[in-house]
């Protein structure tokens, strides 16, 4: 997959581009349906599959106070899109000036002039242009005028409710990571770097890795069964992705079973919300490692214990409960 920063950098002569447009935060099962349709159609017409997305999220520019926390880091989003088989990823810088374009200007001066798509596929709730005033119908009418086909991908439902990034955010924020995983098609993940902590876990007999989190969204406070991947800090992202390991430094790394705590460690009166992971059956120094934490299920809420011994006993029970979830839920570790 080739990565292009901005549509103005596109080289002329794309081959029958089959394009999809959107934010694609989460790359959930609804997004995956769109990508599968686009890549299949590109193969049928011997064309190129193209994903056109934005950075930052448009809401961060248009209404920053209402911008949702993103489900993915930039690096993970790129890696997941690459795994969908997309040939070309265009990341458009979403600025205030860009947001002021009319729908017609966006279609004629950006989409048509820069990409010259053969066909465009969007989700059923697609809106674009200044104030999101234009809808799928506007896109379809302009497509007929400019000479490209426009198709809508119908919503994907789970338990009679639409699969959406906002629904997944809500589930994660409530600690319902198992439900979120069904909508994502994989476990919800958090990335970060292992940094020194207060070493409280080690004093209890359960050494923990304190994670400096890169993601904007964490699950609700509590104790979770998790898997983890550990590796070296990522290098700068390349412009061309021959394999997802190039943008995902943890791709192919072995899974490590663990128990995670999110919160303020009330037994010890900590003042900073933190993510700490006790990796089962792992020894050695982890400081500086890049880590991805895959959340399988919430074991319990975070609560204050009368003393350290009572907390240690509960952690032991948490570890046993987590081992059972690890054995049952390896499917949630998939990224495809």
Foldseek 3Di string as FASTA:
>chain_A
DFEAEALVPFDPDFFQEEEEEDACQLVWPQVLVQLLVQVVVCVVRVGAYEYEHEPPDLCCAVPVVPDDFTLDDPLLSVLLSVVSVHDYYYYYYRHPVNLQFAPLCCCVVRVCVRPVHQEYEYEQAQFDGHVSPHGQVNVQVVCVVSHHHYYYDYFDDDPNHGLDRVVLLVCQQAQVQQVSLNRRQAFRKWKFFFADDPQLCVVLVQGKTWGPTPGRGGGHFAKFKKKKFKDADQDDQDSDPPHSCNSVVRVPGDIFTWMWGWQQQVQVRRDDTTIIIRTPPDDDDRGRIMMMIGTQHGDGHDDHDPHSNVVSVVVVVVVVVSVVSVVVDPSNHDSD
